[in-house]
Structure formats: structure tokens, C-alpha cells
Amino acid sequence: MNPIPDFTEREQQQIGQILFERYQRLVPWELAEAELQLDPDSEQTTACPTLYWSQRGAEFVVCKVGESRFRCQFFYSEREQFGTGRDLYDDLTECVVTLLQVQADHERTRAGVHGRAAAAEDQDYYGPTLI
């Protein structure tokens, strides 16, 4: 089995730009590696290139699980881990933007404010999903 390719320079720049647009400043991020179980029918884990950052009390990871294939989640602690409700993305921008939207909605919910008004009408938006 071929190893999963690292995030390209273009992909890293893409994520950096999305984070800049979201937070209106440069957001430091780190390249990392995560061991993920890619096949639910197997106990085997695979080393996956991962991009990690932390903002506003939340930790974020975007994992590359194949060529143009991504998974993502955000978390506050070991017990508070959330996904977007979608297991796999084939578009990096959609993956990161959705992750940021879901976390922002979750942040508002924690503060007692309701999330996106259009969320019920958006078929591609699933809201925070506890992992």
C-alpha cells in the first residue's frame, strides 16, 4: 500500500488563506501525523498527514486520507470531540470552511445563541456531531 501523500504547498497555502479570512489574522498551524482507522472493517491504522491549529479554545485537525481526500474534526478535550457530520471530503476548501462553520455554530450554542438560520435548508450542512 502506498503511503498517503503529504499536504502540498498549495494545500497548505489554501488552508492558511481560509484561516486568515476567518480570523482576520495569521493563524499558526502545524504539520503533524495521525494514526487513523481508514477501513471500518479492519483494526489496522494508517499514518495520515495532518494539519493542526488552535483558536478560541478549540483545537482543529484536518487529516489527508488519500489523494484529494480529507477528514476533519474539532475538539475541546478528550471527551468533547466533534465532527461535521460528514466522514469524507474531496474538496479541501469545503472541508475546512465547513469545519469552521460547524465549530462557530457550536461556539454560539455553548454561549446560548442559536446557529445558522439557513442550516435547516442547507442539505450539505450537518451541524456539530459528537464523536
C-alpha atoms as a PDB file:
ATOM      1  CA  MET A   1       0.000   0.000   0.000  1.00  0.00           C
ATOM      2  CA  ASN A   2       1.352   3.413  -0.980  1.00  0.00           C
ATOM      3  CA  PRO A   3       1.745   5.977   1.775  1.00  0.00           C
ATOM      4  CA  ILE A   4      -0.666   8.910   1.736  1.00  0.00           C
ATOM      5  CA  PRO A   5       0.935  11.980   0.142  1.00  0.00           C
ATOM      6  CA  ASP A   6       1.776  14.938   2.387  1.00  0.00           C
ATOM      7  CA  PHE A   7      -0.148  18.183   2.162  1.00  0.00           C
ATOM      8  CA  THR A   8       1.154  20.051  -0.863  1.00  0.00           C
ATOM      9  CA  GLU A   9       2.467  23.600  -0.607  1.00  0.00           C
ATOM     10  CA  ARG A  10      -0.670  24.731  -2.451  1.00  0.00           C
ATOM     11  CA  GLU A  11      -2.942  22.919   0.028  1.00  0.00           C
ATOM     12  CA  GLN A  12      -1.076  24.468   2.961  1.00  0.00           C
ATOM     13  CA  GLN A  13      -1.424  27.936   1.438  1.00  0.00           C
ATOM     14  CA  GLN A  14      -5.105  27.269   0.787  1.00  0.00           C
ATOM     15  CA  ILE A  15      -5.722  26.401   4.446  1.00  0.00           C
ATOM     16  CA  GLY A  16      -3.679  29.397   5.619  1.00  0.00           C
ATOM     17  CA  GLN A  17      -5.776  31.710   3.439  1.00  0.00           C
ATOM     18  CA  ILE A  18      -9.063  30.272   4.727  1.00  0.00           C
ATOM     19  CA  LEU A  19      -7.891  30.687   8.331  1.00  0.00           C
ATOM     20  CA  PHE A  20      -6.800  34.268   7.621  1.00  0.00           C
ATOM     21  CA  GLU A  21     -10.209  35.061   6.142  1.00  0.00           C
ATOM     22  CA  ARG A  22     -11.978  33.514   9.149  1.00  0.00           C
ATOM     23  CA  TYR A  23      -9.905  35.097  11.919  1.00  0.00           C
ATOM     24  CA  GLN A  24      -8.631  38.235  10.115  1.00  0.00           C
ATOM     25  CA  ARG A  25      -5.048  37.478  11.124  1.00  0.00           C
ATOM     26  CA  LEU A  26      -2.360  34.886  10.517  1.00  0.00           C
ATOM     27  CA  VAL A  27      -3.112  31.699  12.406  1.00  0.00           C
ATOM     28  CA  PRO A  28      -0.166  29.458  13.268  1.00  0.00           C
ATOM     29  CA  TRP A  29      -0.683  25.841  12.262  1.00  0.00           C
ATOM     30  CA  GLU A  30       1.465  22.743  12.437  1.00  0.00           C
ATOM     31  CA  LEU A  31       2.005  19.747  10.233  1.00  0.00           C
ATOM     32  CA  ALA A  32       1.530  16.525  12.173  1.00  0.00           C
ATOM     33  CA  GLU A  33       0.660  12.890  11.649  1.00  0.00           C
ATOM     34  CA  ALA A  34      -2.383  10.986  12.903  1.00  0.00           C
ATOM     35  CA  GLU A  35      -2.949   7.240  13.038  1.00  0.00           C
ATOM     36  CA  LEU A  36      -6.437   6.663  11.631  1.00  0.00           C
ATOM     37  CA  GLN A  37      -8.520   3.590  11.039  1.00  0.00           C
ATOM     38  CA  LEU A  38      -9.460   4.167   7.398  1.00  0.00           C
ATOM     39  CA  ASP A  39     -11.285   0.870   6.912  1.00  0.00           C
ATOM     40  CA  PRO A  40     -14.074   0.397   9.478  1.00  0.00           C
ATOM     41  CA  ASP A  41     -13.917  -3.370   8.923  1.00  0.00           C
ATOM     42  CA  SER A  42     -10.231  -3.535   9.864  1.00  0.00           C
ATOM     43  CA  GLU A  43      -8.306  -2.876  13.068  1.00  0.00           C
ATOM     44  CA  GLN A  44      -5.356  -1.562  11.010  1.00  0.00           C
ATOM     45  CA  THR A  45      -4.415   2.097  11.331  1.00  0.00           C
ATOM     46  CA  THR A  46      -2.739   4.251   8.718  1.00  0.00           C
ATOM     47  CA  ALA A  47      -0.380   7.188   9.235  1.00  0.00           C
ATOM     48  CA  CYS A  48      -2.116  10.231   7.732  1.00  0.00           C
ATOM     49  CA  PRO A  49      -0.639  13.695   7.187  1.00  0.00           C
ATOM     50  CA  THR A  50      -2.484  16.127   9.441  1.00  0.00           C
ATOM     51  CA  LEU A  51      -2.700  19.866   9.745  1.00  0.00           C
ATOM     52  CA  TYR A  52      -3.425  21.170  13.264  1.00  0.00           C
ATOM     53  CA  TRP A  53      -4.274  24.588  14.701  1.00  0.00           C
ATOM     54  CA  SER A  54      -5.861  26.024  17.825  1.00  0.00           C
ATOM     55  CA  GLN A  55      -8.164  29.037  18.071  1.00  0.00           C
ATOM     56  CA  ARG A  56     -10.676  30.432  20.552  1.00  0.00           C
ATOM     57  CA  GLY A  57     -10.397  27.493  22.926  1.00  0.00           C
ATOM     58  CA  ALA A  58     -10.860  24.819  20.246  1.00  0.00           C
ATOM     59  CA  GLU A  59      -8.338  22.508  18.619  1.00  0.00           C
ATOM     60  CA  PHE A  60      -8.744  21.638  14.917  1.00  0.00           C
ATOM     61  CA  VAL A  61      -7.362  18.862  12.728  1.00  0.00           C
ATOM     62  CA  VAL A  62      -7.647  18.218   9.016  1.00  0.00           C
ATOM     63  CA  CYS A  63      -6.299  14.819   8.005  1.00  0.00           C
ATOM     64  CA  LYS A  64      -5.360  13.853   4.481  1.00  0.00           C
ATOM     65  CA  VAL A  65      -6.569  10.284   3.982  1.00  0.00           C
ATOM     66  CA  GLY A  66      -5.776   9.959   0.276  1.00  0.00           C
ATOM     67  CA  GLU A  67      -5.184  11.995  -2.854  1.00  0.00           C
ATOM     68  CA  SER A  68      -7.756  14.827  -2.568  1.00  0.00           C
ATOM     69  CA  ARG A  69      -9.497  13.052   0.343  1.00  0.00           C
ATOM     70  CA  PHE A  70      -9.845  14.712   3.751  1.00  0.00           C
ATOM     71  CA  ARG A  71     -11.342  14.185   7.215  1.00  0.00           C
ATOM     72  CA  CYS A  72     -11.701  16.834   9.888  1.00  0.00           C
ATOM     73  CA  GLN A  73     -12.770  17.447  13.459  1.00  0.00           C
ATOM     74  CA  PHE A  74     -12.517  19.952  16.270  1.00  0.00           C
ATOM     75  CA  PHE A  75     -12.302  19.310  19.970  1.00  0.00           C
ATOM     76  CA  TYR A  76     -12.089  20.976  23.343  1.00  0.00           C
ATOM     77  CA  SER A  77     -10.976  17.965  25.366  1.00  0.00           C
ATOM     78  CA  GLU A  78     -10.739  14.200  25.084  1.00  0.00           C
ATOM     79  CA  ARG A  79     -14.439  13.993  25.972  1.00  0.00           C
ATOM     80  CA  GLU A  80     -15.597  16.851  23.740  1.00  0.00           C
ATOM     81  CA  GLN A  81     -14.712  15.902  20.160  1.00  0.00           C
ATOM     82  CA  PHE A  82     -16.885  16.925  17.228  1.00  0.00           C
ATOM     83  CA  GLY A  83     -17.095  16.221  13.529  1.00  0.00           C
ATOM     84  CA  THR A  84     -19.071  17.944  10.822  1.00  0.00           C
ATOM     85  CA  GLY A  85     -21.470  15.045  10.290  1.00  0.00           C
ATOM     86  CA  ARG A  86     -19.661  14.108   7.120  1.00  0.00           C
ATOM     87  CA  ASP A  87     -16.904  11.492   7.123  1.00  0.00           C
ATOM     88  CA  LEU A  88     -15.034  12.390   3.946  1.00  0.00           C
ATOM     89  CA  TYR A  89     -14.430  15.427   1.743  1.00  0.00           C
ATOM     90  CA  ASP A  90     -12.914  15.501  -1.727  1.00  0.00           C
ATOM     91  CA  ASP A  91     -12.557  19.290  -1.681  1.00  0.00           C
ATOM     92  CA  LEU A  92     -10.152  20.819   0.849  1.00  0.00           C
ATOM     93  CA  THR A  93     -11.823  24.242   0.864  1.00  0.00           C
ATOM     94  CA  GLU A  94     -15.229  22.722   1.548  1.00  0.00           C
ATOM     95  CA  CYS A  95     -13.722  20.591   4.320  1.00  0.00           C
ATOM     96  CA  VAL A  96     -12.051  23.481   6.156  1.00  0.00           C
ATOM     97  CA  VAL A  97     -14.868  26.005   5.644  1.00  0.00           C
ATOM     98  CA  THR A  98     -17.476  23.507   6.871  1.00  0.00           C
ATOM     99  CA  LEU A  99     -15.310  22.640   9.884  1.00  0.00           C
ATOM    100  CA  LEU A 100     -15.006  26.324  10.799  1.00  0.00           C
ATOM    101  CA  GLN A 101     -18.756  26.920  10.299  1.00  0.00           C
ATOM    102  CA  VAL A 102     -19.719  23.955  12.450  1.00  0.00           C
ATOM    103  CA  GLN A 103     -17.325  24.994  15.216  1.00  0.00           C
ATOM    104  CA  ALA A 104     -18.618  28.587  15.116  1.00  0.00           C
ATOM    105  CA  ASP A 105     -22.188  27.295  15.399  1.00  0.00           C
ATOM    106  CA  HIS A 106     -21.160  25.097  18.296  1.00  0.00           C
ATOM    107  CA  GLU A 107     -19.427  28.040  19.967  1.00  0.00           C
ATOM    108  CA  ARG A 108     -22.632  30.113  19.660  1.00  0.00           C
ATOM    109  CA  THR A 109     -24.707  27.228  21.030  1.00  0.00           C
ATOM    110  CA  ARG A 110     -22.386  26.933  24.035  1.00  0.00           C
ATOM    111  CA  ALA A 111     -22.887  30.656  24.593  1.00  0.00           C
ATOM    112  CA  GLY A 112     -26.685  30.283  24.369  1.00  0.00           C
ATOM    113  CA  VAL A 113     -27.107  31.750  20.880  1.00  0.00           C
ATOM    114  CA  HIS A 114     -28.724  29.724  18.079  1.00  0.00           C
ATOM    115  CA  GLY A 115     -26.691  28.708  14.986  1.00  0.00           C
ATOM    116  CA  ARG A 116     -27.062  29.406  11.288  1.00  0.00           C
ATOM    117  CA  ALA A 117     -30.583  30.321  10.262  1.00  0.00           C
ATOM    118  CA  ALA A 118     -30.119  28.649   6.891  1.00  0.00           C
ATOM    119  CA  ALA A 119     -28.753  25.426   8.355  1.00  0.00           C
ATOM    120  CA  ALA A 120     -32.082  23.611   8.107  1.00  0.00           C
ATOM    121  CA  GLU A 121     -32.310  24.466   4.416  1.00  0.00           C
ATOM    122  CA  ASP A 122     -28.703  23.554   3.589  1.00  0.00           C
ATOM    123  CA  GLN A 123     -28.615  19.862   2.688  1.00  0.00           C
ATOM    124  CA  ASP A 124     -24.805  19.736   2.858  1.00  0.00           C
ATOM    125  CA  TYR A 125     -24.670  21.164   6.382  1.00  0.00           C
ATOM    126  CA  TYR A 126     -24.952  18.668   9.198  1.00  0.00           C
ATOM    127  CA  GLY A 127     -24.047  20.663  12.302  1.00  0.00           C
ATOM    128  CA  PRO A 128     -21.699  19.515  15.057  1.00  0.00           C
ATOM    129  CA  THR A 129     -21.668  15.768  15.550  1.00  0.00           C
ATOM    130  CA  LEU A 130     -20.261  14.426  18.799  1.00  0.00           C
ATOM    131  CA  ILE A 131     -17.618  11.825  18.009  1.00  0.00           C
END
